[in-house]
Amino acid sequence: MKEEKMGKRANNLIKMGLGAFYCLALLTFLSGKTVIAEGKKLNFGQCELNSISFRELRDNFDAIRQNVQTQDNRTDVVLLNRSVLHNVMMSESCCLLRHLLRFYIERIFKHYETTSNMLVRKTSTLANAFLGIKANLRECHKQSRCACGEESHRRFKLFLQEYEKLDMRMATIKAMGEMDLLFAWMESF
């Protein structure tokens, strides 16, 4: 009986955390602003992104890193491997980043489960930052400054093939744990 109450309480905490996450994400999307302040200017093809604070992204990621990386027992699979991120043509980088951020927003953050309020907040901050960057990339795409060619689609398919080797829970944990690889790749532009 006591275990059943604790299980229900944990489920309620998760639902509340996800509700807060979706509210923050919606507010960020509607305002068209990102939570990230001062930062770096990056060029993905013809798309210039301003005010990306990798320090803030990494600080939030570092808060969840140990939790997700200790749960990752599938060291044989790397989602963001060299064939996905290495030597991406500048002209295709915008499109690949757009695909990856959309995937993280729609599939990874949405399915990440934790009972820690602090981890929910850190994850929400990361998701909001991804939403802000993705909104900027979408504007570039509308203005034909974010070309999508065969190369970016091929690389994203490689990412998906690795993702689909895992069950949803493990794939989510794996993707969360590899965000530092994504940040390093983004910083290279």
N, C-alpha and C. Protein backbone atom coordinates (compact mmCIF):
# COMPACT_ATOMS: atom_id res chain seq x y z
N MET A 1 0.83 -1.20 0.00
CA MET A 1 0.00 0.00 0.00
C MET A 1 0.88 1.26 0.00
N LYS A 2 1.90 1.26 0.88
CA LYS A 2 2.78 2.42 0.97
C LYS A 2 3.56 2.61 -0.34
N GLU A 3 4.02 1.48 -0.94
CA GLU A 3 4.73 1.56 -2.21
C GLU A 3 3.83 2.10 -3.31
N GLU A 4 2.55 1.72 -3.29
CA GLU A 4 1.59 2.18 -4.29
C GLU A 4 1.41 3.69 -4.19
N LYS A 5 1.31 4.21 -2.95
CA LYS A 5 1.18 5.67 -2.76
C LYS A 5 2.43 6.39 -3.25
N MET A 6 3.61 5.81 -2.96
CA MET A 6 4.86 6.44 -3.40
C MET A 6 4.95 6.44 -4.92
N GLY A 7 4.51 5.34 -5.55
CA GLY A 7 4.50 5.28 -7.01
C GLY A 7 3.58 6.31 -7.62
N LYS A 8 2.39 6.48 -7.03
CA LYS A 8 1.45 7.49 -7.53
C LYS A 8 2.02 8.88 -7.35
N ARG A 9 2.68 9.11 -6.21
CA ARG A 9 3.27 10.43 -5.95
C ARG A 9 4.38 10.73 -6.97
N ALA A 10 5.22 9.74 -7.25
CA ALA A 10 6.29 9.93 -8.24
C ALA A 10 5.69 10.23 -9.61
N ASN A 11 4.62 9.51 -9.99
CA ASN A 11 3.96 9.78 -11.27
C ASN A 11 3.38 11.18 -11.31
N ASN A 12 2.79 11.63 -10.21
CA ASN A 12 2.24 12.99 -10.15
C ASN A 12 3.35 14.03 -10.29
N LEU A 13 4.51 13.79 -9.63
CA LEU A 13 5.63 14.73 -9.75
C LEU A 13 6.12 14.81 -11.20
N ILE A 14 6.19 13.66 -11.85
CA ILE A 14 6.63 13.65 -13.25
C ILE A 14 5.65 14.42 -14.11
N LYS A 15 4.35 14.19 -13.90
CA LYS A 15 3.34 14.90 -14.69
C LYS A 15 3.41 16.40 -14.44
N MET A 16 3.61 16.80 -13.17
CA MET A 16 3.72 18.23 -12.86
C MET A 16 4.95 18.82 -13.53
N GLY A 17 6.07 18.08 -13.49
CA GLY A 17 7.30 18.56 -14.12
C GLY A 17 7.13 18.71 -15.62
N LEU A 18 6.49 17.73 -16.25
CA LEU A 18 6.26 17.82 -17.69
C LEU A 18 5.31 18.96 -18.03
N GLY A 19 4.30 19.16 -17.17
CA GLY A 19 3.38 20.27 -17.39
C GLY A 19 4.11 21.60 -17.33
N ALA A 20 5.00 21.74 -16.35
CA ALA A 20 5.79 22.97 -16.24
C ALA A 20 6.70 23.13 -17.45
N PHE A 21 7.29 22.02 -17.90
CA PHE A 21 8.16 22.06 -19.08
C PHE A 21 7.39 22.57 -20.30
N TYR A 22 6.21 22.01 -20.54
CA TYR A 22 5.43 22.42 -21.70
C TYR A 22 4.98 23.87 -21.60
N CYS A 23 4.64 24.33 -20.41
CA CYS A 23 4.26 25.74 -20.23
C CYS A 23 5.43 26.66 -20.56
N LEU A 24 6.62 26.33 -20.02
CA LEU A 24 7.80 27.15 -20.31
C LEU A 24 8.13 27.13 -21.80
N ALA A 25 8.04 25.95 -22.40
CA ALA A 25 8.34 25.83 -23.82
C ALA A 25 7.36 26.67 -24.65
N LEU A 26 6.08 26.61 -24.31
CA LEU A 26 5.08 27.38 -25.04
C LEU A 26 5.31 28.87 -24.88
N LEU A 27 5.59 29.32 -23.66
CA LEU A 27 5.84 30.75 -23.44
C LEU A 27 7.05 31.22 -24.23
N THR A 28 8.10 30.43 -24.23
CA THR A 28 9.29 30.80 -24.99
C THR A 28 8.99 30.86 -26.48
N PHE A 29 8.28 29.87 -26.97
CA PHE A 29 7.94 29.84 -28.39
C PHE A 29 7.09 31.05 -28.77
N LEU A 30 6.08 31.35 -27.97
CA LEU A 30 5.18 32.46 -28.28
C LEU A 30 5.88 33.81 -28.22
N SER A 31 6.83 33.94 -27.30
CA SER A 31 7.52 35.22 -27.19
C SER A 31 8.59 35.37 -28.26
N GLY A 32 9.00 34.25 -28.85
CA GLY A 32 10.01 34.31 -29.90
C GLY A 32 11.40 34.62 -29.37
N LYS A 33 11.58 34.50 -28.07
CA LYS A 33 12.87 34.82 -27.46
C LYS A 33 13.44 33.56 -26.84
N THR A 34 14.73 33.54 -26.66
CA THR A 34 15.35 32.41 -25.99
C THR A 34 15.72 32.83 -24.58
N VAL A 35 15.91 31.84 -23.75
CA VAL A 35 16.25 32.11 -22.37
C VAL A 35 17.73 32.44 -22.26
N ILE A 36 18.45 32.21 -23.31
CA ILE A 36 19.89 32.40 -23.28
C ILE A 36 20.22 33.87 -23.49
N ALA A 37 21.03 34.38 -22.61
CA ALA A 37 21.47 35.77 -22.75
C ALA A 37 22.81 35.76 -23.48
N GLU A 38 23.59 36.80 -23.29
CA GLU A 38 24.86 37.00 -23.95
C GLU A 38 25.46 35.72 -24.48
N GLY A 39 26.17 35.84 -25.57
CA GLY A 39 26.73 34.61 -26.10
C GLY A 39 27.52 34.80 -27.36
N LYS A 40 27.66 33.72 -28.05
CA LYS A 40 28.52 33.61 -29.21
C LYS A 40 27.71 33.75 -30.50
N LYS A 41 28.35 34.28 -31.54
CA LYS A 41 27.73 34.38 -32.86
C LYS A 41 28.26 33.23 -33.71
N LEU A 42 27.34 32.48 -34.30
CA LEU A 42 27.72 31.33 -35.12
C LEU A 42 27.10 31.44 -36.50
N ASN A 43 27.78 30.88 -37.48
CA ASN A 43 27.26 30.85 -38.85
C ASN A 43 27.08 29.41 -39.29
N PHE A 44 25.84 29.06 -39.57
CA PHE A 44 25.50 27.76 -40.12
C PHE A 44 25.09 28.01 -41.56
N GLY A 45 26.00 27.81 -42.48
CA GLY A 45 25.74 28.17 -43.86
C GLY A 45 25.54 29.67 -43.94
N GLN A 46 24.44 30.09 -44.54
CA GLN A 46 24.12 31.52 -44.64
C GLN A 46 23.31 32.02 -43.45
N CYS A 47 23.08 31.16 -42.50
CA CYS A 47 22.26 31.53 -41.33
C CYS A 47 23.16 31.91 -40.16
N GLU A 48 23.02 33.14 -39.72
CA GLU A 48 23.81 33.63 -38.59
C GLU A 48 22.95 33.60 -37.32
N LEU A 49 23.49 32.96 -36.29
CA LEU A 49 22.80 32.90 -35.01
C LEU A 49 23.59 33.69 -33.99
N ASN A 50 22.91 34.58 -33.30
CA ASN A 50 23.54 35.40 -32.27
C ASN A 50 23.09 34.96 -30.89
N SER A 51 23.87 35.32 -29.92
CA SER A 51 23.52 35.15 -28.50
C SER A 51 23.32 33.72 -28.05
N ILE A 52 24.17 32.83 -28.53
CA ILE A 52 24.13 31.47 -28.01
C ILE A 52 25.18 31.37 -26.91
N SER A 53 24.72 31.16 -25.70
CA SER A 53 25.61 31.05 -24.55
C SER A 53 25.88 29.57 -24.28
N PHE A 54 27.01 29.09 -24.77
CA PHE A 54 27.34 27.69 -24.53
C PHE A 54 27.68 27.44 -23.07
N ARG A 55 28.13 28.47 -22.39
CA ARG A 55 28.39 28.32 -20.96
C ARG A 55 27.10 27.97 -20.23
N GLU A 56 26.02 28.67 -20.56
CA GLU A 56 24.73 28.39 -19.92
C GLU A 56 24.20 27.02 -20.34
N LEU A 57 24.34 26.69 -21.63
CA LEU A 57 23.91 25.36 -22.09
C LEU A 57 24.69 24.27 -21.35
N ARG A 58 26.00 24.44 -21.27
CA ARG A 58 26.83 23.43 -20.61
C ARG A 58 26.56 23.37 -19.10
N ASP A 59 26.33 24.50 -18.47
CA ASP A 59 26.01 24.50 -17.03
C ASP A 59 24.75 23.69 -16.77
N ASN A 60 23.73 23.90 -17.58
CA ASN A 60 22.48 23.15 -17.42
C ASN A 60 22.68 21.67 -17.76
N PHE A 61 23.45 21.41 -18.81
CA PHE A 61 23.73 20.02 -19.16
C PHE A 61 24.54 19.33 -18.07
N ASP A 62 25.55 20.03 -17.53
CA ASP A 62 26.38 19.44 -16.47
C ASP A 62 25.54 19.01 -15.27
N ALA A 63 24.46 19.73 -15.00
CA ALA A 63 23.59 19.39 -13.87
C ALA A 63 22.86 18.06 -14.09
N ILE A 64 22.64 17.68 -15.33
CA ILE A 64 21.94 16.42 -15.60
C ILE A 64 22.87 15.33 -16.12
N ARG A 65 24.08 15.70 -16.49
CA ARG A 65 25.04 14.78 -17.13
C ARG A 65 25.22 13.48 -16.35
N GLN A 66 25.59 13.57 -15.09
CA GLN A 66 25.88 12.37 -14.32
C GLN A 66 24.66 11.46 -14.26
N ASN A 67 23.49 12.05 -14.06
CA ASN A 67 22.27 11.27 -13.97
C ASN A 67 22.02 10.46 -15.24
N VAL A 68 22.13 11.10 -16.39
CA VAL A 68 21.84 10.38 -17.64
C VAL A 68 22.98 9.48 -18.07
N GLN A 69 24.21 9.92 -17.88
CA GLN A 69 25.32 9.10 -18.36
C GLN A 69 25.53 7.85 -17.51
N THR A 70 25.18 7.88 -16.24
CA THR A 70 25.28 6.66 -15.42
C THR A 70 24.19 5.66 -15.78
N GLN A 71 23.08 6.13 -16.34
CA GLN A 71 22.00 5.23 -16.77
C GLN A 71 22.25 4.64 -18.16
N ASP A 72 23.21 5.18 -18.87
CA ASP A 72 23.49 4.74 -20.24
C ASP A 72 24.41 3.52 -20.21
N ASN A 73 23.83 2.35 -20.41
CA ASN A 73 24.63 1.12 -20.40
C ASN A 73 24.86 0.57 -21.82
N ARG A 74 24.51 1.33 -22.83
CA ARG A 74 24.70 0.90 -24.23
C ARG A 74 25.85 1.68 -24.86
N THR A 75 27.07 1.30 -24.47
CA THR A 75 28.24 1.99 -24.99
C THR A 75 28.56 1.60 -26.44
N ASP A 76 27.87 0.59 -26.96
CA ASP A 76 28.09 0.15 -28.33
C ASP A 76 27.39 1.05 -29.35
N VAL A 77 26.51 1.93 -28.88
CA VAL A 77 25.75 2.81 -29.77
C VAL A 77 26.10 4.26 -29.46
N VAL A 78 26.43 5.01 -30.50
CA VAL A 78 26.66 6.46 -30.38
C VAL A 78 25.75 7.12 -31.41
N LEU A 79 24.82 7.93 -30.94
CA LEU A 79 23.87 8.58 -31.84
C LEU A 79 24.54 9.66 -32.68
N LEU A 80 25.27 10.53 -32.02
CA LEU A 80 25.92 11.66 -32.69
C LEU A 80 27.37 11.29 -33.02
N ASN A 81 27.53 10.26 -33.82
CA ASN A 81 28.86 9.76 -34.14
C ASN A 81 29.51 10.57 -35.26
N ARG A 82 30.74 10.19 -35.60
CA ARG A 82 31.51 10.91 -36.62
C ARG A 82 30.78 10.98 -37.96
N SER A 83 30.10 9.92 -38.35
CA SER A 83 29.43 9.94 -39.66
C SER A 83 28.26 10.92 -39.69
N VAL A 84 27.79 11.32 -38.52
CA VAL A 84 26.70 12.30 -38.45
C VAL A 84 27.26 13.72 -38.39
N LEU A 85 28.27 13.96 -37.55
CA LEU A 85 28.71 15.33 -37.29
C LEU A 85 30.04 15.74 -37.92
N HIS A 86 30.85 14.80 -38.35
CA HIS A 86 32.19 15.14 -38.84
C HIS A 86 32.16 15.62 -40.28
N ASN A 87 32.87 16.72 -40.54
CA ASN A 87 33.02 17.28 -41.89
C ASN A 87 31.69 17.62 -42.57
N VAL A 88 30.76 18.17 -41.82
CA VAL A 88 29.50 18.62 -42.41
C VAL A 88 29.79 19.87 -43.23
N MET A 89 29.32 19.89 -44.46
CA MET A 89 29.52 21.07 -45.30
C MET A 89 28.80 22.26 -44.66
N MET A 90 29.44 23.41 -44.70
CA MET A 90 28.87 24.62 -44.11
C MET A 90 27.46 24.87 -44.64
N SER A 91 27.26 24.66 -45.93
CA SER A 91 25.96 24.94 -46.54
C SER A 91 24.86 24.00 -46.04
N GLU A 92 25.22 22.83 -45.51
CA GLU A 92 24.24 21.85 -45.02
C GLU A 92 24.10 21.88 -43.50
N SER A 93 24.97 22.61 -42.83
CA SER A 93 24.99 22.60 -41.36
C SER A 93 23.70 23.15 -40.75
N CYS A 94 23.13 24.16 -41.35
CA CYS A 94 21.89 24.76 -40.84
C CYS A 94 20.76 23.74 -40.85
N CYS A 95 20.62 23.05 -41.95
CA CYS A 95 19.54 22.06 -42.09
C CYS A 95 19.73 20.90 -41.11
N LEU A 96 20.95 20.39 -41.00
CA LEU A 96 21.20 19.29 -40.07
C LEU A 96 20.90 19.72 -38.64
N LEU A 97 21.34 20.91 -38.26
CA LEU A 97 21.06 21.40 -36.91
C LEU A 97 19.56 21.55 -36.69
N ARG A 98 18.85 22.06 -37.68
CA ARG A 98 17.39 22.19 -37.57
C ARG A 98 16.73 20.84 -37.32
N HIS A 99 17.13 19.83 -38.08
CA HIS A 99 16.58 18.48 -37.89
C HIS A 99 16.89 17.95 -36.49
N LEU A 100 18.14 18.11 -36.06
CA LEU A 100 18.53 17.59 -34.75
C LEU A 100 17.80 18.29 -33.61
N LEU A 101 17.70 19.61 -33.68
CA LEU A 101 17.00 20.35 -32.62
C LEU A 101 15.52 19.99 -32.58
N ARG A 102 14.90 19.89 -33.74
CA ARG A 102 13.49 19.50 -33.78
C ARG A 102 13.31 18.11 -33.15
N PHE A 103 14.22 17.21 -33.47
CA PHE A 103 14.14 15.86 -32.92
C PHE A 103 14.28 15.89 -31.39
N TYR A 104 15.25 16.64 -30.90
CA TYR A 104 15.42 16.76 -29.44
C TYR A 104 14.17 17.34 -28.79
N ILE A 105 13.60 18.36 -29.39
CA ILE A 105 12.42 19.01 -28.81
C ILE A 105 11.22 18.08 -28.84
N GLU A 106 10.98 17.44 -29.97
CA GLU A 106 9.77 16.63 -30.14
C GLU A 106 9.87 15.23 -29.54
N ARG A 107 11.07 14.67 -29.47
CA ARG A 107 11.17 13.27 -29.03
C ARG A 107 11.99 13.09 -27.76
N ILE A 108 13.06 13.83 -27.60
CA ILE A 108 13.96 13.56 -26.47
C ILE A 108 13.47 14.24 -25.20
N PHE A 109 13.37 15.56 -25.21
CA PHE A 109 12.93 16.27 -24.00
C PHE A 109 11.54 15.81 -23.57
N LYS A 110 10.70 15.52 -24.53
CA LYS A 110 9.33 15.10 -24.25
C LYS A 110 9.27 13.77 -23.49
N HIS A 111 10.22 12.88 -23.76
CA HIS A 111 10.20 11.55 -23.16
C HIS A 111 11.18 11.38 -22.00
N TYR A 112 11.97 12.41 -21.70
CA TYR A 112 12.90 12.30 -20.58
C TYR A 112 12.13 12.36 -19.27
N GLU A 113 12.32 11.36 -18.44
CA GLU A 113 11.60 11.28 -17.18
C GLU A 113 12.56 11.36 -16.00
N THR A 114 12.22 12.19 -15.05
CA THR A 114 12.97 12.30 -13.81
C THR A 114 12.03 12.74 -12.71
N THR A 115 12.34 12.36 -11.49
CA THR A 115 11.51 12.78 -10.36
C THR A 115 12.13 13.97 -9.64
N SER A 116 13.31 14.38 -10.06
CA SER A 116 13.99 15.50 -9.42
C SER A 116 13.51 16.83 -10.01
N ASN A 117 12.99 17.70 -9.16
CA ASN A 117 12.55 19.02 -9.63
C ASN A 117 13.69 19.82 -10.24
N MET A 118 14.88 19.70 -9.66
CA MET A 118 16.03 20.43 -10.18
C MET A 118 16.36 19.95 -11.59
N LEU A 119 16.33 18.64 -11.83
CA LEU A 119 16.62 18.12 -13.17
C LEU A 119 15.53 18.51 -14.16
N VAL A 120 14.29 18.58 -13.71
CA VAL A 120 13.20 19.04 -14.58
C VAL A 120 13.45 20.48 -15.00
N ARG A 121 13.86 21.33 -14.05
CA ARG A 121 14.14 22.75 -14.36
C ARG A 121 15.30 22.88 -15.35
N LYS A 122 16.37 22.14 -15.11
CA LYS A 122 17.54 22.21 -16.00
C LYS A 122 17.19 21.71 -17.40
N THR A 123 16.42 20.64 -17.47
CA THR A 123 15.99 20.10 -18.76
C THR A 123 15.08 21.09 -19.48
N SER A 124 14.19 21.73 -18.74
CA SER A 124 13.29 22.74 -19.33
C SER A 124 14.08 23.91 -19.90
N THR A 125 15.12 24.33 -19.18
CA THR A 125 15.95 25.43 -19.66
C THR A 125 16.65 25.04 -20.96
N LEU A 126 17.16 23.82 -21.02
CA LEU A 126 17.79 23.34 -22.25
C LEU A 126 16.79 23.28 -23.40
N ALA A 127 15.61 22.75 -23.12
CA ALA A 127 14.57 22.65 -24.16
C ALA A 127 14.18 24.03 -24.66
N ASN A 128 14.05 24.98 -23.76
CA ASN A 128 13.70 26.35 -24.16
C ASN A 128 14.80 26.96 -25.02
N ALA A 129 16.05 26.70 -24.67
CA ALA A 129 17.16 27.21 -25.47
C ALA A 129 17.12 26.59 -26.87
N PHE A 130 16.85 25.30 -26.95
CA PHE A 130 16.74 24.63 -28.25
C PHE A 130 15.59 25.22 -29.06
N LEU A 131 14.48 25.51 -28.40
CA LEU A 131 13.34 26.13 -29.10
C LEU A 131 13.72 27.48 -29.69
N GLY A 132 14.44 28.27 -28.92
CA GLY A 132 14.87 29.58 -29.40
C GLY A 132 15.79 29.49 -30.60
N ILE A 133 16.76 28.59 -30.53
CA ILE A 133 17.69 28.40 -31.65
C ILE A 133 16.93 27.89 -32.87
N LYS A 134 16.04 26.93 -32.65
CA LYS A 134 15.26 26.36 -33.75
C LYS A 134 14.38 27.42 -34.42
N ALA A 135 13.82 28.33 -33.63
CA ALA A 135 12.99 29.41 -34.19
C ALA A 135 13.84 30.29 -35.12
N ASN A 136 15.07 30.59 -34.70
CA ASN A 136 15.97 31.37 -35.55
C ASN A 136 16.31 30.62 -36.84
N LEU A 137 16.54 29.33 -36.73
CA LEU A 137 16.84 28.52 -37.92
C LEU A 137 15.64 28.46 -38.86
N ARG A 138 14.45 28.40 -38.28
CA ARG A 138 13.23 28.37 -39.10
C ARG A 138 13.10 29.67 -39.89
N GLU A 139 13.43 30.79 -39.27
CA GLU A 139 13.39 32.08 -39.99
C GLU A 139 14.38 32.07 -41.15
N CYS A 140 15.57 31.55 -40.91
CA CYS A 140 16.55 31.45 -41.99
C CYS A 140 16.01 30.57 -43.11
N HIS A 141 15.36 29.48 -42.75
CA HIS A 141 14.80 28.57 -43.75
C HIS A 141 13.73 29.28 -44.59
N LYS A 142 12.88 30.07 -43.93
CA LYS A 142 11.83 30.82 -44.64
C LYS A 142 12.44 31.80 -45.63
N GLN A 143 13.61 32.33 -45.29
CA GLN A 143 14.28 33.30 -46.15
C GLN A 143 15.26 32.63 -47.12
N SER A 144 15.15 31.33 -47.26
CA SER A 144 16.01 30.53 -48.16
C SER A 144 17.49 30.67 -47.84
N ARG A 145 17.81 30.79 -46.54
CA ARG A 145 19.20 30.87 -46.12
C ARG A 145 19.62 29.62 -45.34
N CYS A 146 18.78 28.59 -45.38
CA CYS A 146 19.05 27.34 -44.65
C CYS A 146 18.72 26.18 -45.58
N ALA A 147 19.65 25.92 -46.48
CA ALA A 147 19.42 24.92 -47.53
C ALA A 147 19.45 23.50 -46.97
N CYS A 148 18.53 22.69 -47.46
CA CYS A 148 18.49 21.27 -47.09
C CYS A 148 18.77 20.44 -48.34
N GLY A 149 19.92 19.81 -48.34
CA GLY A 149 20.28 18.96 -49.46
C GLY A 149 20.34 17.50 -49.04
N GLU A 150 20.79 16.67 -49.95
CA GLU A 150 20.87 15.23 -49.69
C GLU A 150 21.78 14.90 -48.52
N GLU A 151 22.87 15.65 -48.39
CA GLU A 151 23.86 15.36 -47.35
C GLU A 151 23.28 15.51 -45.94
N SER A 152 22.55 16.58 -45.69
CA SER A 152 21.98 16.77 -44.35
C SER A 152 20.91 15.71 -44.07
N HIS A 153 20.13 15.35 -45.07
CA HIS A 153 19.12 14.30 -44.89
C HIS A 153 19.79 12.94 -44.64
N ARG A 154 20.86 12.65 -45.35
CA ARG A 154 21.59 11.39 -45.18
C ARG A 154 22.16 11.29 -43.76
N ARG A 155 22.75 12.37 -43.30
CA ARG A 155 23.35 12.36 -41.96
C ARG A 155 22.28 12.23 -40.88
N PHE A 156 21.16 12.90 -41.06
CA PHE A 156 20.09 12.79 -40.07
C PHE A 156 19.53 11.37 -40.05
N LYS A 157 19.44 10.74 -41.22
CA LYS A 157 18.97 9.34 -41.28
C LYS A 157 19.93 8.41 -40.53
N LEU A 158 21.24 8.68 -40.62
CA LEU A 158 22.21 7.88 -39.87
C LEU A 158 21.97 8.01 -38.36
N PHE A 159 21.69 9.23 -37.94
CA PHE A 159 21.36 9.49 -36.52
C PHE A 159 20.12 8.69 -36.13
N LEU A 160 19.08 8.74 -36.96
CA LEU A 160 17.83 8.02 -36.67
C LEU A 160 18.04 6.51 -36.63
N GLN A 161 18.87 5.99 -37.52
CA GLN A 161 19.13 4.55 -37.52
C GLN A 161 19.75 4.10 -36.20
N GLU A 162 20.67 4.89 -35.68
CA GLU A 162 21.28 4.55 -34.39
C GLU A 162 20.24 4.67 -33.27
N TYR A 163 19.43 5.71 -33.32
CA TYR A 163 18.39 5.93 -32.32
C TYR A 163 17.42 4.75 -32.28
N GLU A 164 17.05 4.26 -33.44
CA GLU A 164 16.06 3.18 -33.53
C GLU A 164 16.60 1.82 -33.11
N LYS A 165 17.90 1.71 -32.88
CA LYS A 165 18.48 0.47 -32.36
C LYS A 165 18.13 0.27 -30.88
N LEU A 166 17.68 1.34 -30.24
CA LEU A 166 17.43 1.32 -28.80
C LEU A 166 15.94 1.46 -28.50
N ASP A 167 15.52 0.98 -27.33
CA ASP A 167 14.15 1.24 -26.92
C ASP A 167 14.04 2.72 -26.56
N MET A 168 12.82 3.23 -26.48
CA MET A 168 12.61 4.68 -26.31
C MET A 168 13.30 5.23 -25.07
N ARG A 169 13.19 4.53 -23.94
CA ARG A 169 13.80 5.02 -22.70
C ARG A 169 15.32 5.14 -22.84
N MET A 170 15.95 4.08 -23.34
CA MET A 170 17.41 4.08 -23.48
C MET A 170 17.85 5.09 -24.54
N ALA A 171 17.11 5.20 -25.63
CA ALA A 171 17.45 6.17 -26.68
C ALA A 171 17.36 7.59 -26.15
N THR A 172 16.38 7.85 -25.30
CA THR A 172 16.23 9.18 -24.70
C THR A 172 17.41 9.48 -23.79
N ILE A 173 17.76 8.53 -22.96
CA ILE A 173 18.90 8.70 -22.05
C ILE A 173 20.18 8.91 -22.85
N LYS A 174 20.37 8.10 -23.89
CA LYS A 174 21.56 8.20 -24.74
C LYS A 174 21.64 9.59 -25.38
N ALA A 175 20.54 10.07 -25.95
CA ALA A 175 20.53 11.38 -26.61
C ALA A 175 20.78 12.50 -25.60
N MET A 176 20.19 12.39 -24.41
CA MET A 176 20.43 13.40 -23.37
C MET A 176 21.91 13.43 -22.99
N GLY A 177 22.50 12.26 -22.86
CA GLY A 177 23.90 12.17 -22.47
C GLY A 177 24.88 12.63 -23.53
N GLU A 178 24.43 12.70 -24.78
CA GLU A 178 25.31 13.11 -25.88
C GLU A 178 25.17 14.59 -26.26
N MET A 179 24.42 15.35 -25.48
CA MET A 179 24.25 16.77 -25.84
C MET A 179 25.57 17.51 -25.87
N ASP A 180 26.55 17.10 -25.06
CA ASP A 180 27.84 17.77 -25.10
C ASP A 180 28.51 17.62 -26.46
N LEU A 181 28.28 16.50 -27.14
CA LEU A 181 28.80 16.32 -28.51
C LEU A 181 28.14 17.29 -29.47
N LEU A 182 26.84 17.48 -29.30
CA LEU A 182 26.11 18.43 -30.14
C LEU A 182 26.61 19.86 -29.90
N PHE A 183 26.82 20.22 -28.63
CA PHE A 183 27.32 21.57 -28.32
C PHE A 183 28.70 21.79 -28.93
N ALA A 184 29.59 20.80 -28.80
CA ALA A 184 30.94 20.94 -29.36
C ALA A 184 30.87 21.12 -30.87
N TRP A 185 30.00 20.36 -31.53
CA TRP A 185 29.84 20.49 -32.98
C TRP A 185 29.33 21.89 -33.33
N MET A 186 28.33 22.37 -32.61
CA MET A 186 27.77 23.69 -32.88
C MET A 186 28.84 24.77 -32.70
N GLU A 187 29.64 24.64 -31.65
CA GLU A 187 30.68 25.64 -31.38
C GLU A 187 31.75 25.67 -32.47
N SER A 188 31.86 24.61 -33.25
CA SER A 188 32.87 24.58 -34.30
C SER A 188 32.52 25.50 -35.47
N PHE A 189 31.29 26.01 -35.48
CA PHE A 189 30.88 26.92 -36.55
C PHE A 189 31.06 28.33 -36.05
